[in-house]
């Protein structure tokens, strides 16, 4: 996986989700975003909006800047 902003966010989102003990389905329930979309983002695909990234960060109890750090 390359170090694009999307891939960094996806990797960090997955790590934070797992550290929080959440499944993708749990995050779906917390955010209303489909599990398949969350999976796509965790793989570094897609181009999430700032609002999307903020909502996902809140769901995994992290500040957005933490999820954007390489």
N, C-alpha and C. Protein backbone atom coordinates (compact mmCIF):
# COMPACT_ATOMS: atom_id res chain seq x y z
N UNK A 1 0.85 -1.18 0.00
CA UNK A 1 0.00 0.00 0.00
C UNK A 1 0.89 1.24 0.00
N UNK A 2 0.59 2.17 -0.88
CA UNK A 2 1.38 3.40 -0.95
C UNK A 2 0.98 4.33 0.19
N UNK A 3 1.79 5.34 0.39
CA UNK A 3 1.52 6.30 1.47
C UNK A 3 0.79 7.53 0.97
N UNK A 4 -0.35 7.33 0.35
CA UNK A 4 -1.21 8.44 -0.03
C UNK A 4 -2.01 8.83 1.21
N UNK A 5 -2.56 10.03 1.24
CA UNK A 5 -3.39 10.41 2.39
C UNK A 5 -4.53 9.41 2.64
N UNK A 6 -5.14 8.90 1.58
CA UNK A 6 -6.23 7.93 1.73
C UNK A 6 -5.74 6.62 2.34
N UNK A 7 -4.56 6.17 1.91
CA UNK A 7 -4.05 4.90 2.45
C UNK A 7 -3.61 5.06 3.90
N UNK A 8 -3.03 6.20 4.23
CA UNK A 8 -2.63 6.46 5.62
C UNK A 8 -3.87 6.50 6.51
N UNK A 9 -4.90 7.23 6.08
CA UNK A 9 -6.13 7.31 6.84
C UNK A 9 -6.74 5.92 7.01
N UNK A 10 -6.80 5.15 5.94
CA UNK A 10 -7.38 3.82 6.00
C UNK A 10 -6.66 2.89 6.94
N UNK A 11 -5.35 2.89 6.87
CA UNK A 11 -4.53 2.05 7.76
C UNK A 11 -4.76 2.44 9.22
N UNK A 12 -4.72 3.74 9.48
CA UNK A 12 -4.90 4.23 10.85
C UNK A 12 -6.32 4.00 11.36
N UNK A 13 -7.30 4.15 10.48
CA UNK A 13 -8.68 3.90 10.86
C UNK A 13 -8.84 2.44 11.28
N UNK A 14 -8.31 1.54 10.49
CA UNK A 14 -8.42 0.11 10.81
C UNK A 14 -7.74 -0.19 12.14
N UNK A 15 -6.54 0.33 12.34
CA UNK A 15 -5.82 0.09 13.59
C UNK A 15 -6.60 0.64 14.79
N UNK A 16 -7.15 1.84 14.65
CA UNK A 16 -7.92 2.45 15.74
C UNK A 16 -9.20 1.66 16.01
N UNK A 17 -9.84 1.21 14.94
CA UNK A 17 -11.07 0.42 15.10
C UNK A 17 -10.78 -0.87 15.86
N UNK A 18 -9.72 -1.57 15.47
CA UNK A 18 -9.37 -2.82 16.13
C UNK A 18 -8.96 -2.57 17.58
N UNK A 19 -8.19 -1.50 17.82
CA UNK A 19 -7.77 -1.17 19.19
C UNK A 19 -8.97 -0.85 20.07
N UNK A 20 -10.02 -0.30 19.48
CA UNK A 20 -11.24 0.02 20.23
C UNK A 20 -12.15 -1.20 20.39
N UNK A 21 -11.75 -2.31 19.77
CA UNK A 21 -12.55 -3.53 19.88
C UNK A 21 -13.83 -3.48 19.06
N UNK A 22 -13.80 -2.72 17.97
CA UNK A 22 -14.98 -2.56 17.13
C UNK A 22 -14.84 -3.33 15.83
N UNK A 23 -15.94 -3.88 15.37
CA UNK A 23 -15.98 -4.48 14.03
C UNK A 23 -16.40 -3.39 13.04
N UNK A 24 -16.26 -3.69 11.77
CA UNK A 24 -16.75 -2.75 10.76
C UNK A 24 -18.25 -2.57 10.89
N UNK A 25 -18.95 -3.62 11.29
CA UNK A 25 -20.40 -3.53 11.48
C UNK A 25 -20.73 -2.60 12.66
N UNK A 26 -19.90 -2.62 13.70
CA UNK A 26 -20.10 -1.70 14.83
C UNK A 26 -19.96 -0.26 14.36
N UNK A 27 -18.96 0.00 13.54
CA UNK A 27 -18.74 1.35 13.03
C UNK A 27 -19.89 1.75 12.11
N UNK A 28 -20.41 0.81 11.36
CA UNK A 28 -21.58 1.08 10.52
C UNK A 28 -22.74 1.56 11.38
N UNK A 29 -22.98 0.87 12.51
CA UNK A 29 -24.07 1.25 13.40
C UNK A 29 -23.84 2.63 14.02
N UNK A 30 -22.59 2.94 14.33
CA UNK A 30 -22.27 4.22 14.96
C UNK A 30 -22.36 5.40 13.99
N UNK A 31 -22.04 5.15 12.73
CA UNK A 31 -21.96 6.24 11.76
C UNK A 31 -23.07 6.27 10.72
N UNK A 32 -23.72 5.14 10.52
CA UNK A 32 -24.71 5.04 9.46
C UNK A 32 -24.09 4.83 8.09
N UNK A 33 -22.77 4.66 8.05
CA UNK A 33 -22.08 4.41 6.78
C UNK A 33 -22.04 2.91 6.53
N UNK A 34 -22.28 2.47 5.29
CA UNK A 34 -22.28 1.04 5.01
C UNK A 34 -20.94 0.38 5.32
N UNK A 35 -21.00 -0.85 5.81
CA UNK A 35 -19.79 -1.62 6.12
C UNK A 35 -18.89 -1.74 4.90
N UNK A 36 -19.47 -1.91 3.73
CA UNK A 36 -18.66 -2.05 2.52
C UNK A 36 -17.87 -0.77 2.24
N UNK A 37 -18.46 0.39 2.55
CA UNK A 37 -17.77 1.67 2.38
C UNK A 37 -16.61 1.79 3.36
N UNK A 38 -16.84 1.38 4.60
CA UNK A 38 -15.79 1.42 5.62
C UNK A 38 -14.64 0.51 5.20
N UNK A 39 -14.97 -0.67 4.70
CA UNK A 39 -13.95 -1.60 4.22
C UNK A 39 -13.14 -0.98 3.09
N UNK A 40 -13.83 -0.34 2.16
CA UNK A 40 -13.14 0.31 1.04
C UNK A 40 -12.16 1.37 1.54
N UNK A 41 -12.59 2.17 2.49
CA UNK A 41 -11.72 3.21 3.04
C UNK A 41 -10.53 2.61 3.77
N UNK A 42 -10.75 1.55 4.52
CA UNK A 42 -9.66 0.91 5.25
C UNK A 42 -8.62 0.33 4.31
N UNK A 43 -9.02 -0.02 3.11
CA UNK A 43 -8.07 -0.52 2.10
C UNK A 43 -7.33 0.61 1.39
N UNK A 44 -7.67 1.85 1.73
CA UNK A 44 -6.99 2.99 1.12
C UNK A 44 -7.60 3.41 -0.19
N UNK A 45 -8.73 2.83 -0.53
CA UNK A 45 -9.42 3.21 -1.76
C UNK A 45 -10.43 4.31 -1.44
N UNK A 46 -10.89 4.95 -2.44
CA UNK A 46 -11.87 6.02 -2.22
C UNK A 46 -11.20 7.32 -1.84
N UNK A 47 -12.03 8.32 -1.72
CA UNK A 47 -11.54 9.66 -1.38
C UNK A 47 -12.55 10.27 -0.41
N UNK A 48 -12.42 9.93 0.89
CA UNK A 48 -13.43 10.38 1.85
C UNK A 48 -13.42 11.89 2.03
N UNK A 49 -14.60 12.43 2.30
CA UNK A 49 -14.71 13.86 2.58
C UNK A 49 -14.23 14.13 4.00
N UNK A 50 -14.02 15.38 4.29
CA UNK A 50 -13.62 15.79 5.64
C UNK A 50 -14.70 15.39 6.65
N UNK A 51 -15.96 15.57 6.29
CA UNK A 51 -17.05 15.18 7.18
C UNK A 51 -17.03 13.68 7.45
N UNK A 52 -16.81 12.89 6.42
CA UNK A 52 -16.75 11.44 6.57
C UNK A 52 -15.61 11.05 7.50
N UNK A 53 -14.43 11.62 7.27
CA UNK A 53 -13.29 11.29 8.11
C UNK A 53 -13.52 11.70 9.56
N UNK A 54 -14.15 12.84 9.77
CA UNK A 54 -14.44 13.32 11.12
C UNK A 54 -15.41 12.38 11.83
N UNK A 55 -16.45 11.94 11.15
CA UNK A 55 -17.42 11.03 11.75
C UNK A 55 -16.79 9.68 12.07
N UNK A 56 -15.93 9.18 11.19
CA UNK A 56 -15.27 7.91 11.46
C UNK A 56 -14.28 8.03 12.62
N UNK A 57 -13.57 9.14 12.68
CA UNK A 57 -12.63 9.35 13.80
C UNK A 57 -13.38 9.36 15.12
N UNK A 58 -14.51 10.02 15.16
CA UNK A 58 -15.32 10.05 16.39
C UNK A 58 -15.80 8.65 16.76
N UNK A 59 -16.16 7.85 15.77
CA UNK A 59 -16.65 6.50 16.03
C UNK A 59 -15.59 5.61 16.67
N UNK A 60 -14.32 5.84 16.32
CA UNK A 60 -13.23 5.03 16.89
C UNK A 60 -12.52 5.77 18.02
N UNK A 61 -13.13 6.89 18.47
CA UNK A 61 -12.63 7.67 19.62
C UNK A 61 -11.21 8.19 19.42
N UNK A 62 -10.96 8.72 18.24
CA UNK A 62 -9.67 9.33 17.93
C UNK A 62 -9.90 10.72 17.35
N UNK A 63 -8.92 11.60 17.54
CA UNK A 63 -8.95 12.90 16.89
C UNK A 63 -8.54 12.69 15.42
N UNK A 64 -9.18 13.40 14.53
CA UNK A 64 -8.87 13.22 13.10
C UNK A 64 -7.39 13.38 12.80
N UNK A 65 -6.67 14.36 13.36
CA UNK A 65 -5.24 14.46 13.04
C UNK A 65 -4.44 13.18 13.36
N UNK A 66 -4.87 12.45 14.38
CA UNK A 66 -4.19 11.18 14.70
C UNK A 66 -4.33 10.19 13.57
N UNK A 67 -5.47 10.19 12.91
CA UNK A 67 -5.70 9.23 11.84
C UNK A 67 -5.01 9.64 10.53
N UNK A 68 -4.48 10.83 10.49
CA UNK A 68 -3.81 11.30 9.27
C UNK A 68 -2.28 11.28 9.39
N UNK A 69 -1.79 10.86 10.55
CA UNK A 69 -0.34 10.79 10.76
C UNK A 69 0.25 9.53 10.14
N UNK A 70 1.30 9.70 9.33
CA UNK A 70 1.94 8.51 8.73
C UNK A 70 2.52 7.57 9.79
